[in-house]
Amino acid sequence: MIKGTQIQRGLWLDSRRAVFFEALGILAVADLHWGYAASHQSAGNLLPSWGDDEIARNLAGLMEDYQPGEMIWLGDSLHALAGRKPAEDFLRACNVPVVLLPGNHDRKWRVAKEKSATRGGYFFHHGDVPQDVPPQSVEVIGHFHPAFSWYDGAGGRVKLPGLVQGPRKIILPAFSPWAAGTPWNSSLAEDDQLWVIAPRRIFPVTPELLRKGRA
């Protein structure tokens, strides 16, 4: 059962920070950063062992709701090799084919082999390195962790993850619960639409909201 918001015909944005391409049967996520805590712990940094269970739980819920024929992980699936075990455990148990595209955090992860993937009119890659996008294709990337910030003028601030949608490019939100997000208020191109992802609501940033954001 589809639970997301349709941001264009057949393109569903889910509040769990995933996108479902209905006609292709593809569920796409970016910047999962599996093993974020374990990677920091292995380097001697004190972080609570948290995050991987939420990633696995959200992915399982998305697969149950959308019944995809394929998943694409758009790079930075790992935070570092030291934290790869929970991702590999999930992949071994997963009954949906997963295409693993490498990002700058996981280029040494040998299971992430394909640099890009073309499906229908969409061209998927991580986004940290420019790629030759096929003509008439929409580029789908991650890497940038887009978000939207509001300020109330009295010191209060709210920042939520977002998706950037343009005529030829879609930038997915970071799937990782650790990702703070990069405010995109001043980075929107003229033809871009920023979608804000709240736990119970997905909505477009209007010109009025953009004027209120001061990032």
N, C-alpha and C. Protein backbone atom coordinates (compact mmCIF):
# COMPACT_ATOMS: atom_id res chain seq x y z
N MET A 1 0.84 -1.19 0.00
CA MET A 1 0.00 0.00 0.00
C MET A 1 0.88 1.24 0.00
N ILE A 2 0.69 2.10 -1.00
CA ILE A 2 1.49 3.31 -1.10
C ILE A 2 1.07 4.31 -0.02
N LYS A 3 2.05 4.80 0.72
CA LYS A 3 1.76 5.71 1.84
C LYS A 3 2.36 7.10 1.65
N GLY A 4 3.06 7.30 0.55
CA GLY A 4 3.75 8.56 0.36
C GLY A 4 2.87 9.63 -0.27
N THR A 5 3.51 10.73 -0.60
CA THR A 5 2.86 11.86 -1.28
C THR A 5 3.32 11.87 -2.73
N GLN A 6 2.39 11.95 -3.66
CA GLN A 6 2.73 11.95 -5.08
C GLN A 6 3.16 13.37 -5.48
N ILE A 7 4.44 13.53 -5.76
CA ILE A 7 4.95 14.86 -6.10
C ILE A 7 4.92 15.12 -7.60
N GLN A 8 4.79 14.08 -8.37
CA GLN A 8 4.41 14.17 -9.78
C GLN A 8 3.84 12.79 -10.13
N ARG A 9 3.23 12.69 -11.27
CA ARG A 9 2.53 11.45 -11.58
C ARG A 9 3.49 10.25 -11.51
N GLY A 10 3.16 9.29 -10.65
CA GLY A 10 3.95 8.08 -10.51
C GLY A 10 5.21 8.21 -9.68
N LEU A 11 5.45 9.38 -9.09
CA LEU A 11 6.65 9.60 -8.27
C LEU A 11 6.20 9.92 -6.85
N TRP A 12 6.50 9.03 -5.93
CA TRP A 12 5.99 9.12 -4.56
C TRP A 12 7.13 9.38 -3.59
N LEU A 13 6.99 10.44 -2.81
CA LEU A 13 7.95 10.78 -1.76
C LEU A 13 7.38 10.35 -0.42
N ASP A 14 8.13 9.52 0.29
CA ASP A 14 7.68 8.97 1.56
C ASP A 14 8.36 9.73 2.71
N SER A 15 7.63 9.88 3.82
CA SER A 15 8.17 10.61 4.96
C SER A 15 9.35 9.89 5.62
N ARG A 16 9.57 8.64 5.25
CA ARG A 16 10.75 7.92 5.74
C ARG A 16 11.98 8.23 4.87
N ARG A 17 11.87 9.27 4.04
CA ARG A 17 12.98 9.80 3.24
C ARG A 17 13.39 8.84 2.12
N ALA A 18 12.39 8.31 1.45
CA ALA A 18 12.60 7.44 0.29
C ALA A 18 11.70 7.90 -0.84
N VAL A 19 12.04 7.48 -2.07
CA VAL A 19 11.24 7.79 -3.25
C VAL A 19 10.89 6.50 -3.97
N PHE A 20 9.62 6.38 -4.36
CA PHE A 20 9.16 5.21 -5.10
C PHE A 20 8.79 5.63 -6.50
N PHE A 21 9.44 4.99 -7.49
CA PHE A 21 9.16 5.22 -8.90
C PHE A 21 8.16 4.15 -9.33
N GLU A 22 6.90 4.52 -9.32
CA GLU A 22 5.83 3.53 -9.44
C GLU A 22 5.89 2.75 -10.76
N ALA A 23 6.06 3.43 -11.88
CA ALA A 23 6.05 2.75 -13.17
C ALA A 23 7.21 1.76 -13.30
N LEU A 24 8.33 2.05 -12.61
CA LEU A 24 9.51 1.19 -12.67
C LEU A 24 9.55 0.17 -11.54
N GLY A 25 8.71 0.37 -10.52
CA GLY A 25 8.74 -0.52 -9.36
C GLY A 25 10.02 -0.40 -8.56
N ILE A 26 10.62 0.80 -8.56
CA ILE A 26 11.91 1.01 -7.90
C ILE A 26 11.74 1.87 -6.65
N LEU A 27 12.32 1.42 -5.56
CA LEU A 27 12.41 2.20 -4.33
C LEU A 27 13.84 2.70 -4.21
N ALA A 28 14.02 4.01 -4.14
CA ALA A 28 15.36 4.60 -4.10
C ALA A 28 15.60 5.32 -2.78
N VAL A 29 16.78 5.11 -2.21
CA VAL A 29 17.20 5.81 -1.00
C VAL A 29 18.65 6.22 -1.19
N ALA A 30 19.08 7.23 -0.45
CA ALA A 30 20.44 7.74 -0.58
C ALA A 30 21.03 8.01 0.79
N ASP A 31 22.34 7.89 0.89
CA ASP A 31 23.08 8.31 2.09
C ASP A 31 22.53 7.65 3.35
N LEU A 32 22.57 6.31 3.35
CA LEU A 32 22.10 5.57 4.52
C LEU A 32 23.11 5.65 5.66
N HIS A 33 24.39 5.67 5.33
CA HIS A 33 25.47 5.76 6.33
C HIS A 33 25.33 4.68 7.40
N TRP A 34 25.08 3.44 6.95
CA TRP A 34 25.09 2.31 7.88
C TRP A 34 26.39 2.34 8.69
N GLY A 35 26.29 1.97 9.95
CA GLY A 35 27.48 1.84 10.78
C GLY A 35 28.11 3.16 11.18
N TYR A 36 27.32 4.22 11.18
CA TYR A 36 27.88 5.53 11.55
C TYR A 36 28.49 5.49 12.96
N ALA A 37 27.73 4.99 13.91
CA ALA A 37 28.22 4.94 15.29
C ALA A 37 29.41 4.00 15.42
N ALA A 38 29.31 2.80 14.81
CA ALA A 38 30.40 1.83 14.91
C ALA A 38 31.68 2.37 14.27
N SER A 39 31.55 3.11 13.17
CA SER A 39 32.73 3.68 12.52
C SER A 39 33.42 4.69 13.42
N HIS A 40 32.63 5.52 14.10
CA HIS A 40 33.22 6.49 15.02
C HIS A 40 33.82 5.81 16.25
N GLN A 41 33.13 4.78 16.75
CA GLN A 41 33.64 4.06 17.91
C GLN A 41 34.98 3.40 17.60
N SER A 42 35.11 2.85 16.36
CA SER A 42 36.37 2.19 15.99
C SER A 42 37.53 3.19 15.91
N ALA A 43 37.19 4.47 15.72
CA ALA A 43 38.21 5.52 15.67
C ALA A 43 38.45 6.14 17.05
N GLY A 44 37.79 5.61 18.08
CA GLY A 44 37.98 6.10 19.44
C GLY A 44 37.04 7.20 19.87
N ASN A 45 36.04 7.50 19.05
CA ASN A 45 35.06 8.54 19.41
C ASN A 45 33.88 7.91 20.13
N LEU A 46 33.41 8.60 21.15
CA LEU A 46 32.31 8.06 21.96
C LEU A 46 30.97 8.47 21.37
N LEU A 47 30.29 7.52 20.77
CA LEU A 47 28.94 7.71 20.26
C LEU A 47 28.06 6.56 20.73
N PRO A 48 26.81 6.81 21.01
CA PRO A 48 25.91 5.71 21.39
C PRO A 48 25.68 4.78 20.21
N SER A 49 25.51 3.50 20.49
CA SER A 49 25.25 2.50 19.45
C SER A 49 23.79 2.61 19.02
N TRP A 50 23.55 3.50 18.09
CA TRP A 50 22.19 3.83 17.68
C TRP A 50 22.17 4.14 16.20
N GLY A 51 21.06 3.88 15.52
CA GLY A 51 20.87 4.27 14.14
C GLY A 51 20.64 3.13 13.18
N ASP A 52 21.45 2.06 13.30
CA ASP A 52 21.34 0.97 12.33
C ASP A 52 20.00 0.24 12.42
N ASP A 53 19.50 0.05 13.62
CA ASP A 53 18.20 -0.61 13.77
C ASP A 53 17.09 0.21 13.12
N GLU A 54 17.18 1.54 13.22
CA GLU A 54 16.17 2.39 12.61
C GLU A 54 16.24 2.32 11.09
N ILE A 55 17.45 2.28 10.54
CA ILE A 55 17.60 2.14 9.09
C ILE A 55 16.96 0.85 8.62
N ALA A 56 17.28 -0.25 9.29
CA ALA A 56 16.73 -1.56 8.89
C ALA A 56 15.21 -1.58 9.03
N ARG A 57 14.71 -1.01 10.11
CA ARG A 57 13.26 -1.00 10.35
C ARG A 57 12.53 -0.18 9.29
N ASN A 58 13.08 0.97 8.94
CA ASN A 58 12.44 1.81 7.92
C ASN A 58 12.49 1.16 6.54
N LEU A 59 13.62 0.54 6.20
CA LEU A 59 13.70 -0.15 4.92
C LEU A 59 12.70 -1.30 4.84
N ALA A 60 12.59 -2.07 5.92
CA ALA A 60 11.65 -3.19 5.94
C ALA A 60 10.22 -2.68 5.79
N GLY A 61 9.89 -1.59 6.47
CA GLY A 61 8.56 -1.02 6.36
C GLY A 61 8.26 -0.51 4.97
N LEU A 62 9.24 0.12 4.34
CA LEU A 62 9.06 0.63 2.98
C LEU A 62 8.85 -0.51 1.99
N MET A 63 9.60 -1.59 2.14
CA MET A 63 9.44 -2.73 1.25
C MET A 63 8.06 -3.37 1.42
N GLU A 64 7.60 -3.43 2.64
CA GLU A 64 6.28 -3.99 2.89
C GLU A 64 5.19 -3.12 2.28
N ASP A 65 5.33 -1.81 2.40
CA ASP A 65 4.29 -0.90 1.92
C ASP A 65 4.27 -0.77 0.40
N TYR A 66 5.44 -0.73 -0.23
CA TYR A 66 5.51 -0.44 -1.67
C TYR A 66 5.70 -1.68 -2.54
N GLN A 67 6.17 -2.77 -1.95
CA GLN A 67 6.41 -4.00 -2.70
C GLN A 67 7.24 -3.74 -3.97
N PRO A 68 8.41 -3.14 -3.83
CA PRO A 68 9.22 -2.82 -5.02
C PRO A 68 9.79 -4.07 -5.66
N GLY A 69 10.04 -3.98 -6.96
CA GLY A 69 10.74 -5.05 -7.64
C GLY A 69 12.24 -4.92 -7.53
N GLU A 70 12.69 -3.70 -7.15
CA GLU A 70 14.12 -3.42 -7.05
C GLU A 70 14.32 -2.23 -6.13
N MET A 71 15.44 -2.25 -5.40
CA MET A 71 15.86 -1.09 -4.63
C MET A 71 17.18 -0.56 -5.20
N ILE A 72 17.33 0.75 -5.17
CA ILE A 72 18.61 1.37 -5.52
C ILE A 72 19.07 2.18 -4.33
N TRP A 73 20.29 1.87 -3.85
CA TRP A 73 20.92 2.66 -2.80
C TRP A 73 21.92 3.58 -3.48
N LEU A 74 21.70 4.89 -3.36
CA LEU A 74 22.42 5.87 -4.17
C LEU A 74 23.73 6.32 -3.54
N GLY A 75 24.49 5.40 -2.98
CA GLY A 75 25.81 5.75 -2.49
C GLY A 75 25.83 6.25 -1.05
N ASP A 76 27.03 6.24 -0.47
CA ASP A 76 27.22 6.46 0.96
C ASP A 76 26.28 5.56 1.75
N SER A 77 26.17 4.33 1.26
CA SER A 77 25.38 3.33 1.98
C SER A 77 26.04 3.01 3.31
N LEU A 78 27.38 3.04 3.33
CA LEU A 78 28.14 2.90 4.57
C LEU A 78 28.68 4.27 4.96
N HIS A 79 28.95 4.42 6.27
CA HIS A 79 29.71 5.61 6.67
C HIS A 79 31.20 5.35 6.52
N ALA A 80 31.62 4.13 6.85
CA ALA A 80 33.00 3.69 6.65
C ALA A 80 33.00 2.17 6.68
N LEU A 81 34.06 1.56 6.18
CA LEU A 81 34.12 0.10 6.13
C LEU A 81 33.98 -0.54 7.50
N ALA A 82 34.44 0.15 8.53
CA ALA A 82 34.37 -0.41 9.88
C ALA A 82 32.94 -0.69 10.32
N GLY A 83 31.98 -0.04 9.70
CA GLY A 83 30.58 -0.23 10.10
C GLY A 83 29.76 -1.00 9.11
N ARG A 84 30.41 -1.81 8.26
CA ARG A 84 29.68 -2.46 7.16
C ARG A 84 28.82 -3.65 7.58
N LYS A 85 29.05 -4.24 8.75
CA LYS A 85 28.37 -5.49 9.11
C LYS A 85 26.84 -5.38 9.10
N PRO A 86 26.22 -4.35 9.70
CA PRO A 86 24.75 -4.32 9.68
C PRO A 86 24.18 -4.18 8.27
N ALA A 87 24.88 -3.47 7.40
CA ALA A 87 24.41 -3.34 6.01
C ALA A 87 24.49 -4.69 5.30
N GLU A 88 25.59 -5.39 5.49
CA GLU A 88 25.75 -6.69 4.84
C GLU A 88 24.79 -7.72 5.40
N ASP A 89 24.52 -7.66 6.70
CA ASP A 89 23.52 -8.55 7.29
C ASP A 89 22.14 -8.30 6.68
N PHE A 90 21.80 -7.02 6.51
CA PHE A 90 20.50 -6.68 5.93
C PHE A 90 20.41 -7.19 4.49
N LEU A 91 21.46 -6.99 3.72
CA LEU A 91 21.45 -7.41 2.31
C LEU A 91 21.33 -8.92 2.18
N ARG A 92 21.98 -9.66 3.05
CA ARG A 92 21.88 -11.13 2.99
C ARG A 92 20.46 -11.60 3.24
N ALA A 93 19.73 -10.90 4.11
CA ALA A 93 18.37 -11.32 4.45
C ALA A 93 17.31 -10.72 3.53
N CYS A 94 17.70 -9.75 2.70
CA CYS A 94 16.73 -9.01 1.89
C CYS A 94 16.27 -9.86 0.70
N ASN A 95 14.96 -9.89 0.45
CA ASN A 95 14.42 -10.67 -0.67
C ASN A 95 14.10 -9.80 -1.89
N VAL A 96 14.59 -8.56 -1.90
CA VAL A 96 14.42 -7.66 -3.03
C VAL A 96 15.80 -7.37 -3.62
N PRO A 97 15.97 -7.45 -4.94
CA PRO A 97 17.27 -7.10 -5.53
C PRO A 97 17.66 -5.66 -5.19
N VAL A 98 18.92 -5.47 -4.80
CA VAL A 98 19.42 -4.14 -4.43
C VAL A 98 20.60 -3.78 -5.31
N VAL A 99 20.50 -2.63 -5.98
CA VAL A 99 21.62 -2.08 -6.75
C VAL A 99 22.37 -1.13 -5.83
N LEU A 100 23.66 -1.38 -5.64
CA LEU A 100 24.49 -0.59 -4.73
C LEU A 100 25.41 0.30 -5.56
N LEU A 101 25.16 1.59 -5.51
CA LEU A 101 26.01 2.55 -6.22
C LEU A 101 26.98 3.17 -5.21
N PRO A 102 28.26 3.25 -5.54
CA PRO A 102 29.23 3.76 -4.56
C PRO A 102 29.15 5.27 -4.39
N GLY A 103 29.36 5.70 -3.16
CA GLY A 103 29.51 7.12 -2.85
C GLY A 103 30.91 7.37 -2.33
N ASN A 104 31.19 8.60 -1.96
CA ASN A 104 32.53 8.93 -1.50
C ASN A 104 32.88 8.27 -0.17
N HIS A 105 31.88 7.84 0.60
CA HIS A 105 32.16 7.17 1.87
C HIS A 105 32.39 5.67 1.72
N ASP A 106 31.95 5.08 0.61
CA ASP A 106 32.00 3.61 0.53
C ASP A 106 32.62 3.10 -0.77
N ARG A 107 33.54 3.85 -1.34
CA ARG A 107 34.17 3.41 -2.59
C ARG A 107 35.04 2.17 -2.38
N LYS A 108 35.47 1.92 -1.17
CA LYS A 108 36.29 0.72 -0.91
C LYS A 108 35.44 -0.50 -0.57
N TRP A 109 34.13 -0.31 -0.52
CA TRP A 109 33.23 -1.43 -0.25
C TRP A 109 33.04 -2.20 -1.54
N ARG A 110 33.57 -3.40 -1.62
CA ARG A 110 33.67 -4.10 -2.89
C ARG A 110 32.33 -4.51 -3.48
N VAL A 111 31.31 -4.59 -2.66
CA VAL A 111 30.01 -5.00 -3.20
C VAL A 111 29.32 -3.87 -3.95
N ALA A 112 29.75 -2.63 -3.77
CA ALA A 112 29.19 -1.49 -4.50
C ALA A 112 30.02 -1.29 -5.76
N LYS A 113 29.59 -1.89 -6.86
CA LYS A 113 30.42 -1.97 -8.06
C LYS A 113 29.98 -1.02 -9.17
N GLU A 114 28.68 -0.85 -9.36
CA GLU A 114 28.19 -0.07 -10.49
C GLU A 114 28.27 1.42 -10.16
N LYS A 115 28.86 2.22 -11.04
CA LYS A 115 28.96 3.65 -10.79
C LYS A 115 27.64 4.37 -10.98
N SER A 116 26.79 3.82 -11.86
CA SER A 116 25.51 4.45 -12.14
C SER A 116 24.53 3.39 -12.61
N ALA A 117 23.28 3.77 -12.70
CA ALA A 117 22.25 2.86 -13.19
C ALA A 117 21.22 3.66 -13.97
N THR A 118 20.83 3.16 -15.11
CA THR A 118 19.80 3.79 -15.93
C THR A 118 18.56 2.91 -15.91
N ARG A 119 17.44 3.53 -15.55
CA ARG A 119 16.17 2.81 -15.51
C ARG A 119 15.11 3.73 -16.12
N GLY A 120 14.51 3.29 -17.23
CA GLY A 120 13.52 4.13 -17.87
C GLY A 120 14.15 5.46 -18.27
N GLY A 121 13.52 6.54 -17.90
CA GLY A 121 14.04 7.86 -18.21
C GLY A 121 14.84 8.47 -17.07
N TYR A 122 15.35 7.64 -16.15
CA TYR A 122 16.07 8.14 -14.99
C TYR A 122 17.50 7.60 -14.97
N PHE A 123 18.43 8.46 -14.55
CA PHE A 123 19.85 8.11 -14.46
C PHE A 123 20.28 8.31 -13.02
N PHE A 124 20.60 7.22 -12.34
CA PHE A 124 20.90 7.22 -10.91
C PHE A 124 22.42 7.17 -10.69
N HIS A 125 22.92 8.03 -9.81
CA HIS A 125 24.30 7.93 -9.32
C HIS A 125 24.38 8.72 -8.01
N HIS A 126 25.55 8.66 -7.36
CA HIS A 126 25.64 9.27 -6.03
C HIS A 126 25.56 10.79 -6.09
N GLY A 127 26.33 11.41 -6.98
CA GLY A 127 26.26 12.86 -7.11
C GLY A 127 27.51 13.61 -6.69
N ASP A 128 28.48 12.92 -6.13
CA ASP A 128 29.70 13.61 -5.71
C ASP A 128 30.64 13.89 -6.88
N VAL A 129 30.52 13.12 -7.95
CA VAL A 129 31.35 13.28 -9.14
C VAL A 129 30.42 13.47 -10.34
N PRO A 130 30.63 14.51 -11.16
CA PRO A 130 29.77 14.71 -12.33
C PRO A 130 29.79 13.50 -13.26
N GLN A 131 28.63 13.16 -13.80
CA GLN A 131 28.51 12.05 -14.74
C GLN A 131 27.90 12.55 -16.04
N ASP A 132 28.15 11.81 -17.10
CA ASP A 132 27.52 12.11 -18.39
C ASP A 132 26.10 11.56 -18.36
N VAL A 133 25.14 12.47 -18.23
CA VAL A 133 23.75 12.05 -18.13
C VAL A 133 23.20 11.83 -19.54
N PRO A 134 22.58 10.68 -19.79
CA PRO A 134 22.03 10.45 -21.12
C PRO A 134 21.00 11.52 -21.49
N PRO A 135 20.95 11.89 -22.76
CA PRO A 135 19.98 12.90 -23.20
C PRO A 135 18.56 12.49 -22.83
N GLN A 136 17.77 13.46 -22.47
CA GLN A 136 16.35 13.27 -22.13
C GLN A 136 16.14 12.49 -20.84
N SER A 137 17.21 12.25 -20.08
CA SER A 137 17.07 11.54 -18.81
C SER A 137 17.04 12.53 -17.65
N VAL A 138 16.36 12.14 -16.58
CA VAL A 138 16.36 12.90 -15.33
C VAL A 138 17.42 12.29 -14.42
N GLU A 139 18.31 13.12 -13.94
CA GLU A 139 19.39 12.68 -13.05
C GLU A 139 18.84 12.56 -11.63
N VAL A 140 19.13 11.43 -10.98
CA VAL A 140 18.68 11.19 -9.60
C VAL A 140 19.92 10.94 -8.75
N ILE A 141 20.15 11.80 -7.75
CA ILE A 141 21.37 11.74 -6.96
C ILE A 141 21.05 11.88 -5.47
N GLY A 142 22.08 11.65 -4.67
CA GLY A 142 22.03 11.92 -3.23
C GLY A 142 23.14 12.90 -2.89
N HIS A 143 23.96 12.54 -1.90
CA HIS A 143 25.21 13.21 -1.53
C HIS A 143 25.05 14.53 -0.79
N PHE A 144 24.06 15.37 -1.17
CA PHE A 144 24.02 16.72 -0.65
C PHE A 144 23.17 16.89 0.62
N HIS A 145 22.38 15.88 0.99
CA HIS A 145 21.57 15.94 2.21
C HIS A 145 20.71 17.22 2.29
N PRO A 146 19.90 17.53 1.30
CA PRO A 146 19.15 18.80 1.33
C PRO A 146 18.18 18.87 2.50
N ALA A 147 17.96 20.06 2.99
CA ALA A 147 17.04 20.32 4.10
C ALA A 147 16.47 21.72 3.94
N PHE A 148 15.51 22.04 4.79
CA PHE A 148 14.93 23.39 4.79
C PHE A 148 14.92 23.92 6.21
N SER A 149 15.27 25.18 6.39
CA SER A 149 15.32 25.80 7.72
C SER A 149 14.32 26.95 7.82
N TRP A 150 13.66 27.01 8.97
CA TRP A 150 12.83 28.16 9.31
C TRP A 150 13.43 28.85 10.53
N TYR A 151 13.28 30.17 10.57
CA TYR A 151 13.65 30.95 11.75
C TYR A 151 12.45 31.80 12.14
N ASP A 152 12.22 31.93 13.44
CA ASP A 152 11.06 32.72 13.87
C ASP A 152 11.42 34.17 14.20
N GLY A 153 12.70 34.53 14.01
CA GLY A 153 13.12 35.88 14.30
C GLY A 153 13.44 36.13 15.76
N ALA A 154 13.18 35.15 16.62
CA ALA A 154 13.44 35.32 18.06
C ALA A 154 14.39 34.24 18.58
N GLY A 155 15.12 33.62 17.68
CA GLY A 155 16.10 32.62 18.10
C GLY A 155 15.65 31.19 17.89
N GLY A 156 14.38 30.96 17.57
CA GLY A 156 13.90 29.61 17.33
C GLY A 156 14.20 29.16 15.91
N ARG A 157 14.53 27.88 15.76
CA ARG A 157 14.90 27.36 14.45
C ARG A 157 14.38 25.95 14.31
N VAL A 158 13.87 25.63 13.12
CA VAL A 158 13.45 24.28 12.78
C VAL A 158 14.11 23.91 11.47
N LYS A 159 14.70 22.72 11.43
CA LYS A 159 15.30 22.23 10.19
C LYS A 159 14.78 20.83 9.91
N LEU A 160 14.29 20.62 8.68
CA LEU A 160 13.73 19.34 8.29
C LEU A 160 14.36 18.89 6.98
N PRO A 161 14.48 17.56 6.77
CA PRO A 161 15.03 17.09 5.50
C PRO A 161 14.14 17.44 4.34
N GLY A 162 14.73 17.48 3.16
CA GLY A 162 13.96 17.85 1.98
C GLY A 162 14.41 17.09 0.75
N LEU A 163 13.60 17.18 -0.29
CA LEU A 163 13.92 16.65 -1.62
C LEU A 163 13.88 17.81 -2.60
N VAL A 164 14.88 17.89 -3.46
CA VAL A 164 14.93 18.93 -4.47
C VAL A 164 14.52 18.31 -5.81
N GLN A 165 13.53 18.92 -6.44
CA GLN A 165 13.01 18.41 -7.71
C GLN A 165 13.11 19.49 -8.78
N GLY A 166 13.87 19.19 -9.83
CA GLY A 166 13.99 20.10 -10.95
C GLY A 166 13.59 19.41 -12.24
N PRO A 167 13.59 20.12 -13.36
CA PRO A 167 13.20 19.52 -14.63
C PRO A 167 14.10 18.37 -15.06
N ARG A 168 15.39 18.44 -14.70
CA ARG A 168 16.34 17.41 -15.14
C ARG A 168 17.09 16.75 -14.00
N LYS A 169 16.76 17.10 -12.75
CA LYS A 169 17.51 16.54 -11.63
C LYS A 169 16.62 16.41 -10.40
N ILE A 170 16.81 15.30 -9.66
CA ILE A 170 16.16 15.08 -8.37
C ILE A 170 17.27 14.79 -7.35
N ILE A 171 17.27 15.51 -6.24
CA ILE A 171 18.24 15.26 -5.16
C ILE A 171 17.48 14.69 -3.97
N LEU A 172 17.81 13.46 -3.61
CA LEU A 172 17.11 12.78 -2.54
C LEU A 172 17.59 13.26 -1.17
N PRO A 173 16.73 13.15 -0.17
CA PRO A 173 17.17 13.43 1.21
C PRO A 173 18.09 12.32 1.71
N ALA A 174 18.85 12.60 2.73
CA ALA A 174 19.65 11.55 3.37
C ALA A 174 18.74 10.63 4.16
N PHE A 175 18.94 9.33 4.01
CA PHE A 175 18.14 8.33 4.72
C PHE A 175 18.62 8.14 6.16
N SER A 176 19.87 8.46 6.41
CA SER A 176 20.46 8.23 7.73
C SER A 176 19.80 9.07 8.82
N PRO A 177 19.46 8.46 9.97
CA PRO A 177 18.93 9.26 11.07
C PRO A 177 19.97 10.18 11.70
N TRP A 178 21.24 9.97 11.38
CA TRP A 178 22.30 10.83 11.91
C TRP A 178 22.48 12.09 11.07
N ALA A 179 21.96 12.11 9.85
CA ALA A 179 22.23 13.23 8.94
C ALA A 179 21.49 14.49 9.37
N ALA A 180 22.23 15.56 9.59
CA ALA A 180 21.61 16.82 10.02
C ALA A 180 20.95 17.54 8.85
N GLY A 181 21.51 17.41 7.66
CA GLY A 181 20.96 18.07 6.49
C GLY A 181 21.60 19.43 6.24
N THR A 182 21.67 19.80 4.96
CA THR A 182 22.24 21.07 4.53
C THR A 182 21.12 22.00 4.10
N PRO A 183 20.92 23.14 4.78
CA PRO A 183 19.83 24.05 4.37
C PRO A 183 19.95 24.44 2.91
N TRP A 184 18.84 24.30 2.20
CA TRP A 184 18.82 24.53 0.77
C TRP A 184 18.07 25.81 0.41
N ASN A 185 17.73 26.61 1.41
CA ASN A 185 16.92 27.81 1.19
C ASN A 185 17.50 28.72 0.11
N SER A 186 18.79 28.92 0.13
CA SER A 186 19.42 29.86 -0.81
C SER A 186 20.06 29.15 -1.99
N SER A 187 19.84 27.84 -2.12
CA SER A 187 20.49 27.06 -3.18
C SER A 187 19.55 26.65 -4.29
N LEU A 188 18.27 27.01 -4.18
CA LEU A 188 17.30 26.59 -5.17
C LEU A 188 17.50 27.32 -6.49
N ALA A 189 17.55 26.55 -7.58
CA ALA A 189 17.53 27.15 -8.90
C ALA A 189 16.11 27.63 -9.21
N GLU A 190 15.99 28.45 -10.23
CA GLU A 190 14.70 29.08 -10.53
C GLU A 190 13.60 28.05 -10.79
N ASP A 191 13.95 26.94 -11.43
CA ASP A 191 12.95 25.93 -11.79
C ASP A 191 12.86 24.80 -10.78
N ASP A 192 13.58 24.89 -9.67
CA ASP A 192 13.57 23.82 -8.67
C ASP A 192 12.41 23.97 -7.70
N GLN A 193 11.96 22.82 -7.20
CA GLN A 193 10.98 22.78 -6.12
C GLN A 193 11.58 22.01 -4.95
N LEU A 194 11.52 22.60 -3.77
CA LEU A 194 11.98 21.94 -2.56
C LEU A 194 10.76 21.40 -1.81
N TRP A 195 10.78 20.09 -1.55
CA TRP A 195 9.73 19.45 -0.77
C TRP A 195 10.23 19.21 0.63
N VAL A 196 9.48 19.64 1.63
CA VAL A 196 9.84 19.48 3.03
C VAL A 196 9.24 18.17 3.55
N ILE A 197 10.05 17.42 4.29
CA ILE A 197 9.64 16.10 4.77
C ILE A 197 9.53 16.13 6.28
N ALA A 198 8.30 16.25 6.77
CA ALA A 198 8.01 16.17 8.19
C ALA A 198 7.48 14.76 8.49
N PRO A 199 7.52 14.32 9.75
CA PRO A 199 7.08 12.95 10.05
C PRO A 199 5.66 12.65 9.60
N ARG A 200 4.76 13.62 9.64
CA ARG A 200 3.35 13.36 9.29
C ARG A 200 2.87 14.16 8.09
N ARG A 201 3.76 14.87 7.42
CA ARG A 201 3.32 15.71 6.32
C ARG A 201 4.47 16.02 5.39
N ILE A 202 4.19 16.01 4.09
CA ILE A 202 5.14 16.42 3.07
C ILE A 202 4.51 17.58 2.31
N PHE A 203 5.26 18.67 2.14
CA PHE A 203 4.66 19.82 1.49
C PHE A 203 5.74 20.62 0.74
N PRO A 204 5.33 21.34 -0.31
CA PRO A 204 6.29 22.13 -1.08
C PRO A 204 6.61 23.45 -0.38
N VAL A 205 7.81 23.92 -0.59
CA VAL A 205 8.20 25.24 -0.10
C VAL A 205 7.65 26.29 -1.06
N THR A 206 6.81 27.14 -0.56
CA THR A 206 6.24 28.22 -1.36
C THR A 206 7.15 29.44 -1.30
N PRO A 207 6.98 30.41 -2.20
CA PRO A 207 7.78 31.64 -2.12
C PRO A 207 7.66 32.33 -0.76
N GLU A 208 6.47 32.27 -0.16
CA GLU A 208 6.30 32.90 1.16
C GLU A 208 7.15 32.20 2.22
N LEU A 209 7.13 30.87 2.21
CA LEU A 209 7.97 30.13 3.17
C LEU A 209 9.45 30.40 2.90
N LEU A 210 9.80 30.51 1.64
CA LEU A 210 11.21 30.76 1.30
C LEU A 210 11.67 32.11 1.83
N ARG A 211 10.78 33.10 1.80
CA ARG A 211 11.12 34.42 2.36
C ARG A 211 11.33 34.35 3.86
N LYS A 212 10.59 33.45 4.54
CA LYS A 212 10.72 33.33 5.99
C LYS A 212 11.97 32.58 6.41
N GLY A 213 12.45 31.69 5.54
CA GLY A 213 13.70 30.98 5.84
C GLY A 213 14.87 31.89 5.59
N ARG A 214 15.82 31.89 6.49
CA ARG A 214 16.95 32.80 6.39
C ARG A 214 18.28 32.08 6.38
N ALA A 215 18.28 30.85 5.84
CA ALA A 215 19.54 30.10 5.82
C ALA A 215 20.43 30.57 4.68
